Amino acid sequence: MKRILVIEDDPDIGLSVKYNLERDGDFEATVVRDGVEGIKATISQPPDLILLDLNLPGLDGLEVCRRIRGDATTASIPIIMLTARVEESDTIRGLELGADDYITKPFSVKELVARVRAVIRRSERPEQDADVLTAGDLQVDLAGRRIHVGDTEVALTRKEFDLLVDLMRNRGRVVTRQRLLERVWGYDHPGETRTVDVHVRQLRKKLGAAAGDRVETVVGVGYRFRGTN
């Protein structure tokens, strides 16, 4: 049974999410109502996934996400943001801080549970090989999940790493945003392709100009990783 931590200040939403997660017996959900308690609960008993409301009193969801990602003991826990905010910048900021996905309120609880399953399934999927992918100065250690550009190690979030690996494994071929959602995020239904765009932008920034420019945008379609070596 997977443990889900729900950080949500609205008691009705928290209760509904908890009920729907637990009804099939696959998840155990704990609900806390503010960011400070959410961080304490995450550290004391790390969950398998966090559902994080952005609009929390006091310590808001963006700061909670930043602190969780900044702690080595909790950095790899999948995070799905729940947001009622209409500002696109808030959502983008959350993804940039390392959130794996977001769901906009009001949301379908069936979709929420489906996304939780998809993110957990993807996070547990074992690597199928243990070699190193290379492209110029870029080296990707699949077994160790480490990235180097030249002699410099680059820290990527889990989704950024998986995205880069998928593109490199399909180098020279155009990969649509929807296919990336399916393979990297685990969705078998239409999703928010903006999630892919934000992660690509962050990936390019972290890799730097030389390596990042290998991830090419194919306008109106998706992305392609350039180069065979």
C-alpha atoms as a PDB file:
ATOM      1  CA  MET A   1       0.000   0.000   0.000  1.00  0.00           C
ATOM      2  CA  LYS A   2       1.412   3.351  -1.063  1.00  0.00           C
ATOM      3  CA  ARG A   3       1.430   6.283   1.340  1.00  0.00           C
ATOM      4  CA  ILE A   4       0.140   9.606   0.024  1.00  0.00           C
ATOM      5  CA  LEU A   5       0.599  12.858   1.936  1.00  0.00           C
ATOM      6  CA  VAL A   6      -2.063  15.451   1.109  1.00  0.00           C
ATOM      7  CA  ILE A   7      -1.117  19.016   2.065  1.00  0.00           C
ATOM      8  CA  GLU A   8      -4.420  20.863   1.633  1.00  0.00           C
ATOM      9  CA  ASP A   9      -5.994  23.536   3.835  1.00  0.00           C
ATOM     10  CA  ASP A  10      -9.571  23.049   2.590  1.00  0.00           C
ATOM     11  CA  PRO A  11     -11.039  20.308   4.833  1.00  0.00           C
ATOM     12  CA  ASP A  12     -13.716  19.299   2.309  1.00  0.00           C
ATOM     13  CA  ILE A  13     -11.204  18.841  -0.498  1.00  0.00           C
ATOM     14  CA  GLY A  14      -8.809  17.027   1.815  1.00  0.00           C
ATOM     15  CA  LEU A  15     -11.514  14.617   2.962  1.00  0.00           C
ATOM     16  CA  SER A  16     -12.696  13.976  -0.602  1.00  0.00           C
ATOM     17  CA  VAL A  17      -9.177  13.310  -1.859  1.00  0.00           C
ATOM     18  CA  LYS A  18      -8.427  10.990   1.071  1.00  0.00           C
ATOM     19  CA  TYR A  19     -11.657   9.036   0.558  1.00  0.00           C
ATOM     20  CA  ASN A  20     -11.141   8.566  -3.174  1.00  0.00           C
ATOM     21  CA  LEU A  21      -7.508   7.558  -2.792  1.00  0.00           C
ATOM     22  CA  GLU A  22      -8.297   4.965  -0.129  1.00  0.00           C
ATOM     23  CA  ARG A  23     -11.517   3.505  -1.539  1.00  0.00           C
ATOM     24  CA  ASP A  24      -9.782   0.816  -3.662  1.00  0.00           C
ATOM     25  CA  GLY A  25      -7.322  -0.152  -0.951  1.00  0.00           C
ATOM     26  CA  ASP A  26      -4.179   0.758  -2.910  1.00  0.00           C
ATOM     27  CA  PHE A  27      -3.331   3.938  -1.017  1.00  0.00           C
ATOM     28  CA  GLU A  28      -3.172   5.203   2.540  1.00  0.00           C
ATOM     29  CA  ALA A  29      -3.671   8.973   2.656  1.00  0.00           C
ATOM     30  CA  THR A  30      -2.714  11.401   5.416  1.00  0.00           C
ATOM     31  CA  VAL A  31      -4.048  14.961   5.273  1.00  0.00           C
ATOM     32  CA  VAL A  32      -2.344  17.980   6.870  1.00  0.00           C
ATOM     33  CA  ARG A  33      -3.624  21.529   6.526  1.00  0.00           C
ATOM     34  CA  ASP A  34      -0.571  23.786   6.363  1.00  0.00           C
ATOM     35  CA  GLY A  35       2.890  23.881   4.884  1.00  0.00           C
ATOM     36  CA  VAL A  36       4.867  23.643   8.116  1.00  0.00           C
ATOM     37  CA  GLU A  37       3.038  20.481   9.169  1.00  0.00           C
ATOM     38  CA  GLY A  38       3.446  19.150   5.658  1.00  0.00           C
ATOM     39  CA  ILE A  39       7.222  19.504   5.806  1.00  0.00           C
ATOM     40  CA  LYS A  40       7.343  17.919   9.266  1.00  0.00           C
ATOM     41  CA  ALA A  41       5.223  14.975   8.095  1.00  0.00           C
ATOM     42  CA  THR A  42       7.383  14.530   4.986  1.00  0.00           C
ATOM     43  CA  ILE A  43      10.608  14.404   6.990  1.00  0.00           C
ATOM     44  CA  SER A  44       9.311  12.241   9.837  1.00  0.00           C
ATOM     45  CA  GLN A  45       7.784   9.582   7.588  1.00  0.00           C
ATOM     46  CA  PRO A  46       8.557  10.165   3.890  1.00  0.00           C
ATOM     47  CA  PRO A  47       5.517   9.313   1.758  1.00  0.00           C
ATOM     48  CA  ASP A  48       5.495   7.689  -1.683  1.00  0.00           C
ATOM     49  CA  LEU A  49       3.911  10.826  -3.187  1.00  0.00           C
ATOM     50  CA  ILE A  50       2.806  14.292  -2.090  1.00  0.00           C
ATOM     51  CA  LEU A  51      -0.312  16.136  -3.240  1.00  0.00           C
ATOM     52  CA  LEU A  52       0.520  19.760  -2.532  1.00  0.00           C
ATOM     53  CA  ASP A  53      -1.889  22.691  -2.585  1.00  0.00           C
ATOM     54  CA  LEU A  54      -0.218  25.904  -3.722  1.00  0.00           C
ATOM     55  CA  ASN A  55      -2.482  28.321  -1.871  1.00  0.00           C
ATOM     56  CA  LEU A  56      -1.634  27.371   1.712  1.00  0.00           C
ATOM     57  CA  PRO A  57      -1.787  29.748   4.672  1.00  0.00           C
ATOM     58  CA  GLY A  58       1.555  30.981   5.975  1.00  0.00           C
ATOM     59  CA  LEU A  59       4.124  28.866   4.186  1.00  0.00           C
ATOM     60  CA  ASP A  60       2.718  28.524   0.668  1.00  0.00           C
ATOM     61  CA  GLY A  61       3.018  25.520  -1.602  1.00  0.00           C
ATOM     62  CA  LEU A  62       5.858  26.932  -3.680  1.00  0.00           C
ATOM     63  CA  GLU A  63       8.045  27.348  -0.603  1.00  0.00           C
ATOM     64  CA  VAL A  64       7.057  23.888   0.654  1.00  0.00           C
ATOM     65  CA  CYS A  65       8.068  22.409  -2.705  1.00  0.00           C
ATOM     66  CA  ARG A  66      11.386  24.276  -2.641  1.00  0.00           C
ATOM     67  CA  ARG A  67      12.242  23.005   0.848  1.00  0.00           C
ATOM     68  CA  ILE A  68      11.290  19.407   0.080  1.00  0.00           C
ATOM     69  CA  ARG A  69      13.386  19.429  -3.090  1.00  0.00           C
ATOM     70  CA  GLY A  70      16.263  21.067  -1.219  1.00  0.00           C
ATOM     71  CA  ASP A  71      16.545  18.291   1.387  1.00  0.00           C
ATOM     72  CA  ALA A  72      18.489  15.223   0.237  1.00  0.00           C
ATOM     73  CA  THR A  73      16.264  12.892   2.288  1.00  0.00           C
ATOM     74  CA  THR A  74      13.055  14.075   0.601  1.00  0.00           C
ATOM     75  CA  ALA A  75      14.249  15.436  -2.773  1.00  0.00           C
ATOM     76  CA  SER A  76      13.167  12.408  -4.811  1.00  0.00           C
ATOM     77  CA  ILE A  77       9.572  12.185  -3.513  1.00  0.00           C
ATOM     78  CA  PRO A  78       7.099  12.768  -6.378  1.00  0.00           C
ATOM     79  CA  ILE A  79       5.030  15.944  -5.996  1.00  0.00           C
ATOM     80  CA  ILE A  80       1.755  16.775  -7.738  1.00  0.00           C
ATOM     81  CA  MET A  81       0.599  20.342  -7.186  1.00  0.00           C
ATOM     82  CA  LEU A  82      -3.055  21.240  -6.676  1.00  0.00           C
ATOM     83  CA  THR A  83      -3.724  24.798  -7.748  1.00  0.00           C
ATOM     84  CA  ALA A  84      -6.674  27.144  -8.049  1.00  0.00           C
ATOM     85  CA  ARG A  85      -4.420  30.027  -9.032  1.00  0.00           C
ATOM     86  CA  VAL A  86      -5.020  31.441 -12.471  1.00  0.00           C
ATOM     87  CA  GLU A  87      -1.565  32.955 -12.893  1.00  0.00           C
ATOM     88  CA  GLU A  88       0.462  30.856 -15.309  1.00  0.00           C
ATOM     89  CA  SER A  89       3.648  32.010 -13.589  1.00  0.00           C
ATOM     90  CA  ASP A  90       2.693  30.184 -10.372  1.00  0.00           C
ATOM     91  CA  THR A  91       2.305  26.875 -12.180  1.00  0.00           C
ATOM     92  CA  ILE A  92       5.518  27.344 -14.131  1.00  0.00           C
ATOM     93  CA  ARG A  93       7.380  28.302 -10.954  1.00  0.00           C
ATOM     94  CA  GLY A  94       6.158  25.124  -9.256  1.00  0.00           C
ATOM     95  CA  LEU A  95       7.384  22.969 -12.134  1.00  0.00           C
ATOM     96  CA  GLU A  96      10.698  24.808 -12.147  1.00  0.00           C
ATOM     97  CA  LEU A  97      11.098  24.057  -8.430  1.00  0.00           C
ATOM     98  CA  GLY A  98      10.785  20.350  -9.199  1.00  0.00           C
ATOM     99  CA  ALA A  99       7.096  19.441  -9.005  1.00  0.00           C
ATOM    100  CA  ASP A 100       6.334  16.451 -11.221  1.00  0.00           C
ATOM    101  CA  ASP A 101       2.896  17.601 -12.332  1.00  0.00           C
ATOM    102  CA  TYR A 102      -0.017  19.847 -11.459  1.00  0.00           C
ATOM    103  CA  ILE A 103      -3.817  19.605 -11.432  1.00  0.00           C
ATOM    104  CA  THR A 104      -6.028  22.676 -11.638  1.00  0.00           C
ATOM    105  CA  LYS A 105      -8.983  23.070  -9.273  1.00  0.00           C
ATOM    106  CA  PRO A 106     -11.771  22.161  -9.601  1.00  0.00           C
ATOM    107  CA  PHE A 107     -10.594  18.735 -10.672  1.00  0.00           C
ATOM    108  CA  SER A 108     -12.073  15.311 -11.291  1.00  0.00           C
ATOM    109  CA  VAL A 109     -11.139  12.976  -8.442  1.00  0.00           C
ATOM    110  CA  LYS A 110     -10.960  10.122 -10.963  1.00  0.00           C
ATOM    111  CA  GLU A 111      -8.355  12.059 -12.937  1.00  0.00           C
ATOM    112  CA  LEU A 112      -6.467  12.884  -9.746  1.00  0.00           C
ATOM    113  CA  VAL A 113      -6.284   9.214  -8.731  1.00  0.00           C
ATOM    114  CA  ALA A 114      -5.240   8.260 -12.280  1.00  0.00           C
ATOM    115  CA  ARG A 115      -2.424  10.796 -12.216  1.00  0.00           C
ATOM    116  CA  VAL A 116      -1.271   9.624  -8.795  1.00  0.00           C
ATOM    117  CA  ARG A 117      -1.087   6.067 -10.115  1.00  0.00           C
ATOM    118  CA  ALA A 118       0.771   7.200 -13.237  1.00  0.00           C
ATOM    119  CA  VAL A 119       3.380   9.235 -11.357  1.00  0.00           C
ATOM    120  CA  ILE A 120       4.028   6.445  -8.838  1.00  0.00           C
ATOM    121  CA  ARG A 121       4.201   3.839 -11.604  1.00  0.00           C
ATOM    122  CA  ARG A 122       6.728   5.923 -13.476  1.00  0.00           C
ATOM    123  CA  SER A 123       8.847   6.653 -10.392  1.00  0.00           C
ATOM    124  CA  GLU A 124       9.113   2.933  -9.637  1.00  0.00           C
ATOM    125  CA  ARG A 125       9.876   1.792 -13.177  1.00  0.00           C
ATOM    126  CA  PRO A 126      13.315   0.160 -13.165  1.00  0.00           C
ATOM    127  CA  GLU A 127      16.000   1.213 -15.579  1.00  0.00           C
ATOM    128  CA  GLN A 128      16.206  -1.235 -18.456  1.00  0.00           C
ATOM    129  CA  ASP A 129      19.943  -0.878 -18.911  1.00  0.00           C
ATOM    130  CA  ALA A 130      22.964   0.234 -16.966  1.00  0.00           C
ATOM    131  CA  ASP A 131      25.148   1.855 -19.564  1.00  0.00           C
ATOM    132  CA  VAL A 132      26.103   5.444 -20.267  1.00  0.00           C
ATOM    133  CA  LEU A 133      24.535   7.641 -22.936  1.00  0.00           C
ATOM    134  CA  THR A 134      26.863  10.197 -24.480  1.00  0.00           C
ATOM    135  CA  ALA A 135      26.598  13.138 -26.856  1.00  0.00           C
ATOM    136  CA  GLY A 136      29.684  15.314 -27.138  1.00  0.00           C
ATOM    137  CA  ASP A 137      30.565  16.497 -23.621  1.00  0.00           C
ATOM    138  CA  LEU A 138      27.241  15.270 -22.268  1.00  0.00           C
ATOM    139  CA  GLN A 139      27.345  11.975 -20.350  1.00  0.00           C
ATOM    140  CA  VAL A 140      24.330  10.307 -18.763  1.00  0.00           C
ATOM    141  CA  ASP A 141      24.973   7.496 -16.268  1.00  0.00           C
ATOM    142  CA  LEU A 142      21.720   5.529 -16.329  1.00  0.00           C
ATOM    143  CA  ALA A 143      22.512   3.239 -13.407  1.00  0.00           C
ATOM    144  CA  GLY A 144      23.726   6.035 -11.147  1.00  0.00           C
ATOM    145  CA  ARG A 145      21.224   8.576 -12.515  1.00  0.00           C
ATOM    146  CA  ARG A 146      24.006  11.157 -12.805  1.00  0.00           C
ATOM    147  CA  ILE A 147      24.623  13.761 -15.489  1.00  0.00           C
ATOM    148  CA  HIS A 148      27.955  15.314 -16.457  1.00  0.00           C
ATOM    149  CA  VAL A 149      28.687  18.049 -18.973  1.00  0.00           C
ATOM    150  CA  GLY A 150      32.431  17.824 -19.364  1.00  0.00           C
ATOM    151  CA  ASP A 151      33.857  17.591 -15.845  1.00  0.00           C
ATOM    152  CA  THR A 152      30.862  19.289 -14.258  1.00  0.00           C
ATOM    153  CA  GLU A 153      28.067  17.275 -12.664  1.00  0.00           C
ATOM    154  CA  VAL A 154      24.609  18.704 -13.351  1.00  0.00           C
ATOM    155  CA  ALA A 155      21.784  18.239 -10.844  1.00  0.00           C
ATOM    156  CA  LEU A 156      18.472  17.400 -12.495  1.00  0.00           C
ATOM    157  CA  THR A 157      15.076  16.588 -11.053  1.00  0.00           C
ATOM    158  CA  ARG A 158      13.758  13.085 -11.644  1.00  0.00           C
ATOM    159  CA  LYS A 159      11.483  14.210 -14.459  1.00  0.00           C
ATOM    160  CA  GLU A 160      14.217  16.274 -16.127  1.00  0.00           C
ATOM    161  CA  PHE A 161      16.508  13.239 -16.039  1.00  0.00           C
ATOM    162  CA  ASP A 162      13.849  10.900 -17.470  1.00  0.00           C
ATOM    163  CA  LEU A 163      12.966  13.444 -20.154  1.00  0.00           C
ATOM    164  CA  LEU A 164      16.592  13.779 -21.259  1.00  0.00           C
ATOM    165  CA  VAL A 165      17.068  10.003 -21.359  1.00  0.00           C
ATOM    166  CA  ASP A 166      13.939   9.507 -23.462  1.00  0.00           C
ATOM    167  CA  LEU A 167      15.028  12.161 -25.952  1.00  0.00           C
ATOM    168  CA  MET A 168      18.572  10.780 -26.150  1.00  0.00           C
ATOM    169  CA  ARG A 169      17.337   7.247 -26.703  1.00  0.00           C
ATOM    170  CA  ASN A 170      15.315   8.580 -29.620  1.00  0.00           C
ATOM    171  CA  ARG A 171      18.021  10.909 -30.916  1.00  0.00           C
ATOM    172  CA  GLY A 172      17.461  12.209 -34.400  1.00  0.00           C
ATOM    173  CA  ARG A 173      13.740  11.452 -34.228  1.00  0.00           C
ATOM    174  CA  VAL A 174      10.939  13.861 -33.425  1.00  0.00           C
ATOM    175  CA  VAL A 175       9.121  12.971 -30.212  1.00  0.00           C
ATOM    176  CA  THR A 176       5.719  14.600 -29.773  1.00  0.00           C
ATOM    177  CA  ARG A 177       4.744  16.283 -26.525  1.00  0.00           C
ATOM    178  CA  GLN A 178       1.956  13.746 -26.051  1.00  0.00           C
ATOM    179  CA  ARG A 179       4.360  10.827 -26.448  1.00  0.00           C
ATOM    180  CA  LEU A 180       6.654  12.400 -23.878  1.00  0.00           C
ATOM    181  CA  LEU A 181       3.702  12.733 -21.502  1.00  0.00           C
ATOM    182  CA  GLU A 182       2.942   9.052 -21.999  1.00  0.00           C
ATOM    183  CA  ARG A 183       6.486   7.774 -21.621  1.00  0.00           C
ATOM    184  CA  VAL A 184       7.973  10.161 -19.047  1.00  0.00           C
ATOM    185  CA  TRP A 185       4.899  11.090 -17.016  1.00  0.00           C
ATOM    186  CA  GLY A 186       3.066   7.799 -17.574  1.00  0.00           C
ATOM    187  CA  TYR A 187      -0.162   9.280 -18.947  1.00  0.00           C
ATOM    188  CA  ASP A 188      -2.179   7.239 -21.420  1.00  0.00           C
ATOM    189  CA  HIS A 189      -4.660  10.081 -21.892  1.00  0.00           C
ATOM    190  CA  PRO A 190      -4.338  13.700 -23.103  1.00  0.00           C
ATOM    191  CA  GLY A 191      -2.532  15.850 -20.578  1.00  0.00           C
ATOM    192  CA  GLU A 192      -1.119  19.309 -20.101  1.00  0.00           C
ATOM    193  CA  THR A 193       1.616  19.561 -22.737  1.00  0.00           C
ATOM    194  CA  ARG A 194       2.800  22.788 -21.113  1.00  0.00           C
ATOM    195  CA  THR A 195       4.299  20.555 -18.426  1.00  0.00           C
ATOM    196  CA  VAL A 196       6.665  19.160 -21.058  1.00  0.00           C
ATOM    197  CA  ASP A 197       7.607  22.622 -22.343  1.00  0.00           C
ATOM    198  CA  VAL A 198       8.504  23.909 -18.878  1.00  0.00           C
ATOM    199  CA  HIS A 199      10.667  20.860 -18.137  1.00  0.00           C
ATOM    200  CA  VAL A 200      12.455  21.175 -21.487  1.00  0.00           C
ATOM    201  CA  ARG A 201      13.187  24.838 -20.797  1.00  0.00           C
ATOM    202  CA  GLN A 202      14.623  24.002 -17.382  1.00  0.00           C
ATOM    203  CA  LEU A 203      16.612  21.103 -18.821  1.00  0.00           C
ATOM    204  CA  ARG A 204      18.235  23.322 -21.450  1.00  0.00           C
ATOM    205  CA  LYS A 205      19.089  25.944 -18.837  1.00  0.00           C
ATOM    206  CA  LYS A 206      20.757  23.434 -16.532  1.00  0.00           C
ATOM    207  CA  LEU A 207      22.725  21.700 -19.299  1.00  0.00           C
ATOM    208  CA  GLY A 208      24.105  24.976 -20.611  1.00  0.00           C
ATOM    209  CA  ALA A 209      24.256  26.268 -24.156  1.00  0.00           C
ATOM    210  CA  ALA A 210      26.407  23.593 -25.789  1.00  0.00           C
ATOM    211  CA  ALA A 211      24.554  20.558 -24.447  1.00  0.00           C
ATOM    212  CA  GLY A 212      21.169  22.199 -24.040  1.00  0.00           C
ATOM    213  CA  ASP A 213      21.058  23.303 -27.677  1.00  0.00           C
ATOM    214  CA  ARG A 214      20.998  19.641 -28.686  1.00  0.00           C
ATOM    215  CA  VAL A 215      17.360  19.555 -27.544  1.00  0.00           C
ATOM    216  CA  GLU A 216      15.668  21.099 -30.559  1.00  0.00           C
ATOM    217  CA  THR A 217      12.095  22.355 -30.744  1.00  0.00           C
ATOM    218  CA  VAL A 218      10.086  21.090 -33.707  1.00  0.00           C
ATOM    219  CA  VAL A 219       7.448  23.808 -33.954  1.00  0.00           C
ATOM    220  CA  GLY A 220       3.912  22.555 -33.496  1.00  0.00           C
ATOM    221  CA  VAL A 221       5.015  18.970 -32.904  1.00  0.00           C
ATOM    222  CA  GLY A 222       7.495  18.326 -30.119  1.00  0.00           C
ATOM    223  CA  TYR A 223      11.222  17.904 -29.588  1.00  0.00           C
ATOM    224  CA  ARG A 224      14.231  16.164 -31.109  1.00  0.00           C
ATOM    225  CA  PHE A 225      17.644  15.407 -29.640  1.00  0.00           C
ATOM    226  CA  ARG A 226      20.336  16.333 -32.154  1.00  0.00           C
ATOM    227  CA  GLY A 227      23.596  14.492 -32.637  1.00  0.00           C
ATOM    228  CA  THR A 228      24.864  10.935 -32.657  1.00  0.00           C
ATOM    229  CA  ASN A 229      27.970  11.469 -30.575  1.00  0.00           C
END
